[in-house]
Amino acid sequence: MSDWPVLLRSYRREKGLKQEALAYMLNVDQTTISRWERGKDNPSLAIQKRLRDLFWTKQDSALDAAVRIVRYAPLRATVVLPGTRIVEVSDAYAEHHGLSRKEMKGDLLRKFLGDDFYEQYMVPVGKIGIYSGDVARVEYLAKVRMKDGTWGYSYSSVVPIFGSSGTYAVSQSQFVPQSFVQDHPGMKVYRFDEIVD
């Protein structure tokens, strides 16, 4: 299932647009917008790029963009401030913890991850430079206790989002099978000065 129906309806509500107005902006029929919003069809790749440009215009702050990314993420995802205070979580992350997104916002990530996990993974990610502008991405593999009490693995990617009001970290994670673990290091850091286009 595509996220386009939710994204399109949310964008129109936020901007106060009718389907006809959005159709005019994109040079498509109103019935095309209706099909996209009902999940009957997806926009072409060219239209998807135009929609992304509309959704994340220059007026949006870095935080607004990060919140949108996480809110609609299909994986467990968070936006946190330095010190790991939660700004936003995805539905999948909230569901994993048995709470609503609203209940989790404003709390410290440590409350949901536990002291051991927090100290082993979150503290090093902060110290590596995710908030200072040195690091483009950190990926890490963590052993985690599953809801049923067994042990499994979670693979996470954390990227900084820089804005005029500060730096935020956006994290996405997913559970991975044992076979994935053998081919991936515990933690990998990608520094901005090492990245080649």
C-alpha atoms as a PDB file:
ATOM      1  CA  MET A   1       0.000   0.000   0.000  1.00  0.00           C
ATOM      2  CA  SER A   2       1.275   3.431  -0.964  1.00  0.00           C
ATOM      3  CA  ASP A   3       1.325   6.444   1.375  1.00  0.00           C
ATOM      4  CA  TRP A   4       0.130   8.752  -1.422  1.00  0.00           C
ATOM      5  CA  PRO A   5      -3.560   8.741  -0.380  1.00  0.00           C
ATOM      6  CA  VAL A   6      -2.714   9.953   3.135  1.00  0.00           C
ATOM      7  CA  LEU A   7      -0.067  12.419   1.963  1.00  0.00           C
ATOM      8  CA  LEU A   8      -2.317  13.973  -0.671  1.00  0.00           C
ATOM      9  CA  ARG A   9      -5.324  14.361   1.652  1.00  0.00           C
ATOM     10  CA  SER A  10      -3.112  15.778   4.420  1.00  0.00           C
ATOM     11  CA  TYR A  11      -1.490  18.264   2.069  1.00  0.00           C
ATOM     12  CA  ARG A  12      -4.837  19.450   0.695  1.00  0.00           C
ATOM     13  CA  ARG A  13      -6.279  19.852   4.233  1.00  0.00           C
ATOM     14  CA  GLU A  14      -3.199  21.734   5.418  1.00  0.00           C
ATOM     15  CA  LYS A  15      -3.283  24.112   2.422  1.00  0.00           C
ATOM     16  CA  GLY A  16      -7.079  24.335   2.205  1.00  0.00           C
ATOM     17  CA  LEU A  17      -7.161  23.030  -1.371  1.00  0.00           C
ATOM     18  CA  LYS A  18      -9.948  21.208  -3.160  1.00  0.00           C
ATOM     19  CA  GLN A  19      -9.101  18.319  -5.452  1.00  0.00           C
ATOM     20  CA  GLU A  20      -9.741  20.574  -8.453  1.00  0.00           C
ATOM     21  CA  ALA A  21      -7.147  23.115  -7.271  1.00  0.00           C
ATOM     22  CA  LEU A  22      -4.469  20.468  -6.746  1.00  0.00           C
ATOM     23  CA  ALA A  23      -5.335  18.938 -10.126  1.00  0.00           C
ATOM     24  CA  TYR A  24      -4.856  22.358 -11.743  1.00  0.00           C
ATOM     25  CA  MET A  25      -1.466  22.787 -10.025  1.00  0.00           C
ATOM     26  CA  LEU A  26      -0.317  19.405 -11.360  1.00  0.00           C
ATOM     27  CA  ASN A  27      -1.989  19.712 -14.767  1.00  0.00           C
ATOM     28  CA  VAL A  28      -4.081  16.549 -14.284  1.00  0.00           C
ATOM     29  CA  ASP A  29      -7.822  15.836 -14.046  1.00  0.00           C
ATOM     30  CA  GLN A  30      -9.688  16.067 -10.732  1.00  0.00           C
ATOM     31  CA  THR A  31     -10.667  12.410 -11.221  1.00  0.00           C
ATOM     32  CA  THR A  32      -6.964  11.540 -11.260  1.00  0.00           C
ATOM     33  CA  ILE A  33      -6.488  13.172  -7.844  1.00  0.00           C
ATOM     34  CA  SER A  34      -9.542  11.295  -6.601  1.00  0.00           C
ATOM     35  CA  ARG A  35      -8.102   7.965  -7.802  1.00  0.00           C
ATOM     36  CA  TRP A  36      -4.765   8.696  -6.081  1.00  0.00           C
ATOM     37  CA  GLU A  37      -6.481   9.624  -2.805  1.00  0.00           C
ATOM     38  CA  ARG A  38      -8.580   6.453  -2.882  1.00  0.00           C
ATOM     39  CA  GLY A  39      -5.483   4.343  -3.529  1.00  0.00           C
ATOM     40  CA  LYS A  40      -6.816   3.182  -6.907  1.00  0.00           C
ATOM     41  CA  ASP A  41      -3.752   4.493  -8.738  1.00  0.00           C
ATOM     42  CA  ASN A  42      -0.355   6.044  -7.954  1.00  0.00           C
ATOM     43  CA  PRO A  43       1.118   9.221  -9.415  1.00  0.00           C
ATOM     44  CA  SER A  44       3.785   8.741 -12.104  1.00  0.00           C
ATOM     45  CA  LEU A  45       7.405   9.221 -11.025  1.00  0.00           C
ATOM     46  CA  ALA A  46       7.480  12.693 -12.595  1.00  0.00           C
ATOM     47  CA  ILE A  47       4.333  13.722 -10.700  1.00  0.00           C
ATOM     48  CA  GLN A  48       5.694  12.170  -7.486  1.00  0.00           C
ATOM     49  CA  LYS A  49       8.725  14.467  -7.744  1.00  0.00           C
ATOM     50  CA  ARG A  50       6.488  17.497  -8.284  1.00  0.00           C
ATOM     51  CA  LEU A  51       4.363  16.479  -5.292  1.00  0.00           C
ATOM     52  CA  ARG A  52       7.427  16.112  -3.077  1.00  0.00           C
ATOM     53  CA  ASP A  53       8.537  19.580  -4.143  1.00  0.00           C
ATOM     54  CA  LEU A  54       5.105  20.907  -3.143  1.00  0.00           C
ATOM     55  CA  PHE A  55       5.047  19.046   0.192  1.00  0.00           C
ATOM     56  CA  TRP A  56       8.487  20.170   1.291  1.00  0.00           C
ATOM     57  CA  THR A  57       8.749  23.703   0.032  1.00  0.00           C
ATOM     58  CA  LYS A  58      11.380  26.148   1.240  1.00  0.00           C
ATOM     59  CA  GLN A  59       8.907  27.687   3.715  1.00  0.00           C
ATOM     60  CA  ASP A  60       8.919  24.441   5.719  1.00  0.00           C
ATOM     61  CA  SER A  61      11.386  24.306   8.574  1.00  0.00           C
ATOM     62  CA  ALA A  62      13.763  21.394   8.978  1.00  0.00           C
ATOM     63  CA  LEU A  63      11.683  20.224  11.908  1.00  0.00           C
ATOM     64  CA  ASP A  64       8.427  20.290   9.908  1.00  0.00           C
ATOM     65  CA  ALA A  65      10.054  18.214   7.171  1.00  0.00           C
ATOM     66  CA  ALA A  66      11.501  15.728   9.680  1.00  0.00           C
ATOM     67  CA  VAL A  67       8.145  15.372  11.438  1.00  0.00           C
ATOM     68  CA  ARG A  68       6.387  14.657   8.127  1.00  0.00           C
ATOM     69  CA  ILE A  69       8.991  12.067   7.156  1.00  0.00           C
ATOM     70  CA  VAL A  70       8.613  10.235  10.448  1.00  0.00           C
ATOM     71  CA  ARG A  71       4.854  10.578  10.838  1.00  0.00           C
ATOM     72  CA  TYR A  72       4.284   8.706   7.563  1.00  0.00           C
ATOM     73  CA  ALA A  73       7.197   6.275   7.841  1.00  0.00           C
ATOM     74  CA  PRO A  74       6.170   2.620   7.524  1.00  0.00           C
ATOM     75  CA  LEU A  75       9.001   1.553   9.847  1.00  0.00           C
ATOM     76  CA  ARG A  76       9.656   2.343  13.494  1.00  0.00           C
ATOM     77  CA  ALA A  77      10.877   5.932  13.258  1.00  0.00           C
ATOM     78  CA  THR A  78      11.532   8.900  15.545  1.00  0.00           C
ATOM     79  CA  VAL A  79      12.574  12.550  15.482  1.00  0.00           C
ATOM     80  CA  VAL A  80      14.561  13.526  18.563  1.00  0.00           C
ATOM     81  CA  LEU A  81      16.333  16.619  19.865  1.00  0.00           C
ATOM     82  CA  PRO A  82      19.870  16.491  21.272  1.00  0.00           C
ATOM     83  CA  GLY A  83      19.470  14.691  24.596  1.00  0.00           C
ATOM     84  CA  THR A  84      16.965  12.427  22.816  1.00  0.00           C
ATOM     85  CA  ARG A  85      13.728  14.161  23.754  1.00  0.00           C
ATOM     86  CA  ILE A  86      11.072  12.799  21.390  1.00  0.00           C
ATOM     87  CA  VAL A  87       9.533  15.282  18.950  1.00  0.00           C
ATOM     88  CA  GLU A  88       7.620  12.754  16.796  1.00  0.00           C
ATOM     89  CA  VAL A  89       7.273   9.005  16.332  1.00  0.00           C
ATOM     90  CA  SER A  90       5.760   6.898  13.586  1.00  0.00           C
ATOM     91  CA  ASP A  91       2.626   4.846  14.160  1.00  0.00           C
ATOM     92  CA  ALA A  92       4.769   1.703  13.904  1.00  0.00           C
ATOM     93  CA  TYR A  93       7.064   2.939  16.709  1.00  0.00           C
ATOM     94  CA  ALA A  94       4.150   3.887  18.965  1.00  0.00           C
ATOM     95  CA  GLU A  95       2.430   0.568  18.259  1.00  0.00           C
ATOM     96  CA  HIS A  96       5.645  -1.301  19.107  1.00  0.00           C
ATOM     97  CA  HIS A  97       5.546   0.297  22.565  1.00  0.00           C
ATOM     98  CA  GLY A  98       1.776  -0.096  22.947  1.00  0.00           C
ATOM     99  CA  LEU A  99       1.142   3.655  23.138  1.00  0.00           C
ATOM    100  CA  SER A 100      -0.175   6.448  20.946  1.00  0.00           C
ATOM    101  CA  ARG A 101       2.151   8.898  19.199  1.00  0.00           C
ATOM    102  CA  LYS A 102       0.768  11.661  21.402  1.00  0.00           C
ATOM    103  CA  GLU A 103       1.628   9.740  24.591  1.00  0.00           C
ATOM    104  CA  MET A 104       5.266   9.376  23.519  1.00  0.00           C
ATOM    105  CA  LYS A 105       5.948  12.933  22.327  1.00  0.00           C
ATOM    106  CA  GLY A 106       7.964  15.035  24.767  1.00  0.00           C
ATOM    107  CA  ASP A 107       9.360  12.056  26.690  1.00  0.00           C
ATOM    108  CA  LEU A 108      12.972  10.967  26.642  1.00  0.00           C
ATOM    109  CA  LEU A 109      13.828   8.061  24.354  1.00  0.00           C
ATOM    110  CA  ARG A 110      15.577   6.391  27.297  1.00  0.00           C
ATOM    111  CA  LYS A 111      12.183   5.784  28.951  1.00  0.00           C
ATOM    112  CA  PHE A 112      11.148   3.453  26.115  1.00  0.00           C
ATOM    113  CA  LEU A 113      14.518   1.889  25.271  1.00  0.00           C
ATOM    114  CA  GLY A 114      15.766   1.164  28.782  1.00  0.00           C
ATOM    115  CA  ASP A 115      19.034   2.258  30.369  1.00  0.00           C
ATOM    116  CA  ASP A 116      21.245  -0.489  28.924  1.00  0.00           C
ATOM    117  CA  PHE A 117      20.172  -0.013  25.307  1.00  0.00           C
ATOM    118  CA  TYR A 118      20.298   3.755  25.670  1.00  0.00           C
ATOM    119  CA  GLU A 119      23.849   3.724  27.057  1.00  0.00           C
ATOM    120  CA  GLN A 120      25.098   1.175  24.532  1.00  0.00           C
ATOM    121  CA  TYR A 121      23.650   2.771  21.385  1.00  0.00           C
ATOM    122  CA  MET A 122      22.119   6.236  21.860  1.00  0.00           C
ATOM    123  CA  VAL A 123      24.960   7.778  23.882  1.00  0.00           C
ATOM    124  CA  PRO A 124      27.641   6.745  21.341  1.00  0.00           C
ATOM    125  CA  VAL A 125      25.531   8.026  18.420  1.00  0.00           C
ATOM    126  CA  GLY A 126      25.323  11.426  20.143  1.00  0.00           C
ATOM    127  CA  LYS A 127      29.047  11.480  20.934  1.00  0.00           C
ATOM    128  CA  ILE A 128      30.031  10.509  17.381  1.00  0.00           C
ATOM    129  CA  GLY A 129      28.782  13.874  16.109  1.00  0.00           C
ATOM    130  CA  ILE A 130      25.287  13.307  14.749  1.00  0.00           C
ATOM    131  CA  TYR A 131      24.228  16.735  16.089  1.00  0.00           C
ATOM    132  CA  SER A 132      27.449  18.654  15.319  1.00  0.00           C
ATOM    133  CA  GLY A 133      27.505  18.423  11.531  1.00  0.00           C
ATOM    134  CA  ASP A 134      30.374  15.942  11.267  1.00  0.00           C
ATOM    135  CA  VAL A 135      28.270  12.848  10.638  1.00  0.00           C
ATOM    136  CA  ALA A 136      25.905  12.252   7.722  1.00  0.00           C
ATOM    137  CA  ARG A 137      24.530   8.922   8.949  1.00  0.00           C
ATOM    138  CA  VAL A 138      25.060   6.278  11.600  1.00  0.00           C
ATOM    139  CA  GLU A 139      23.840   2.731  11.146  1.00  0.00           C
ATOM    140  CA  TYR A 140      23.861   0.196  13.943  1.00  0.00           C
ATOM    141  CA  LEU A 141      22.780  -3.339  14.606  1.00  0.00           C
ATOM    142  CA  ALA A 142      21.423  -4.043  18.076  1.00  0.00           C
ATOM    143  CA  LYS A 143      20.351  -7.176  19.909  1.00  0.00           C
ATOM    144  CA  VAL A 144      16.875  -6.517  21.325  1.00  0.00           C
ATOM    145  CA  ARG A 145      14.311  -8.337  23.415  1.00  0.00           C
ATOM    146  CA  MET A 146      11.142  -8.934  21.412  1.00  0.00           C
ATOM    147  CA  LYS A 147       7.604  -8.570  22.790  1.00  0.00           C
ATOM    148  CA  ASP A 148       7.345 -12.340  23.249  1.00  0.00           C
ATOM    149  CA  GLY A 149      10.499 -12.372  25.438  1.00  0.00           C
ATOM    150  CA  THR A 150      12.815 -13.885  22.809  1.00  0.00           C
ATOM    151  CA  TRP A 151      15.887 -12.108  21.471  1.00  0.00           C
ATOM    152  CA  GLY A 152      16.189 -10.689  17.978  1.00  0.00           C
ATOM    153  CA  TYR A 153      17.989  -7.962  16.058  1.00  0.00           C
ATOM    154  CA  SER A 154      17.093  -4.428  15.049  1.00  0.00           C
ATOM    155  CA  TYR A 155      18.902  -2.468  12.338  1.00  0.00           C
ATOM    156  CA  SER A 156      18.736   1.327  12.646  1.00  0.00           C
ATOM    157  CA  SER A 157      19.801   4.286  10.547  1.00  0.00           C
ATOM    158  CA  VAL A 158      20.117   7.748  12.127  1.00  0.00           C
ATOM    159  CA  VAL A 159      20.550  10.955  10.092  1.00  0.00           C
ATOM    160  CA  PRO A 160      20.807  14.580  11.228  1.00  0.00           C
ATOM    161  CA  ILE A 161      18.381  17.232  10.005  1.00  0.00           C
ATOM    162  CA  PHE A 162      19.861  20.737  10.254  1.00  0.00           C
ATOM    163  CA  GLY A 163      17.585  23.724  10.595  1.00  0.00           C
ATOM    164  CA  SER A 164      17.617  27.320  11.719  1.00  0.00           C
ATOM    165  CA  SER A 165      16.198  26.317  15.093  1.00  0.00           C
ATOM    166  CA  GLY A 166      18.661  23.483  15.716  1.00  0.00           C
ATOM    167  CA  THR A 167      19.632  19.969  14.747  1.00  0.00           C
ATOM    168  CA  TYR A 168      17.365  16.958  15.017  1.00  0.00           C
ATOM    169  CA  ALA A 169      18.066  13.274  14.561  1.00  0.00           C
ATOM    170  CA  VAL A 170      15.737  11.143  12.455  1.00  0.00           C
ATOM    171  CA  SER A 171      15.993   7.440  13.130  1.00  0.00           C
ATOM    172  CA  GLN A 172      14.360   4.518  11.330  1.00  0.00           C
ATOM    173  CA  SER A 173      14.704   0.918  12.433  1.00  0.00           C
ATOM    174  CA  GLN A 174      13.458  -2.498  11.499  1.00  0.00           C
ATOM    175  CA  PHE A 175      13.762  -6.005  12.841  1.00  0.00           C
ATOM    176  CA  VAL A 176      16.115  -8.150  10.777  1.00  0.00           C
ATOM    177  CA  PRO A 177      16.731 -11.897  10.530  1.00  0.00           C
ATOM    178  CA  GLN A 178      19.821 -13.652  11.903  1.00  0.00           C
ATOM    179  CA  SER A 179      21.193 -14.018   8.348  1.00  0.00           C
ATOM    180  CA  PHE A 180      21.376 -10.200   8.057  1.00  0.00           C
ATOM    181  CA  VAL A 181      23.528  -9.971  11.195  1.00  0.00           C
ATOM    182  CA  GLN A 182      26.447 -11.935   9.769  1.00  0.00           C
ATOM    183  CA  ASP A 183      27.012  -9.462   6.899  1.00  0.00           C
ATOM    184  CA  HIS A 184      26.682  -6.184   8.826  1.00  0.00           C
ATOM    185  CA  PRO A 185      28.974  -4.550  11.384  1.00  0.00           C
ATOM    186  CA  GLY A 186      27.684  -3.497  14.796  1.00  0.00           C
ATOM    187  CA  MET A 187      28.001   0.223  13.992  1.00  0.00           C
ATOM    188  CA  LYS A 188      29.010   2.111  10.870  1.00  0.00           C
ATOM    189  CA  VAL A 189      29.567   5.867  10.715  1.00  0.00           C
ATOM    190  CA  TYR A 190      29.357   7.887   7.494  1.00  0.00           C
ATOM    191  CA  ARG A 191      31.068  11.266   7.853  1.00  0.00           C
ATOM    192  CA  PHE A 192      30.211  14.177   5.554  1.00  0.00           C
ATOM    193  CA  ASP A 193      33.848  14.641   4.525  1.00  0.00           C
ATOM    194  CA  GLU A 194      34.093  10.976   3.479  1.00  0.00           C
ATOM    195  CA  ILE A 195      31.029  10.955   1.258  1.00  0.00           C
ATOM    196  CA  VAL A 196      31.731  11.141  -2.460  1.00  0.00           C
ATOM    197  CA  ASP A 197      28.855  11.998  -4.832  1.00  0.00           C
END
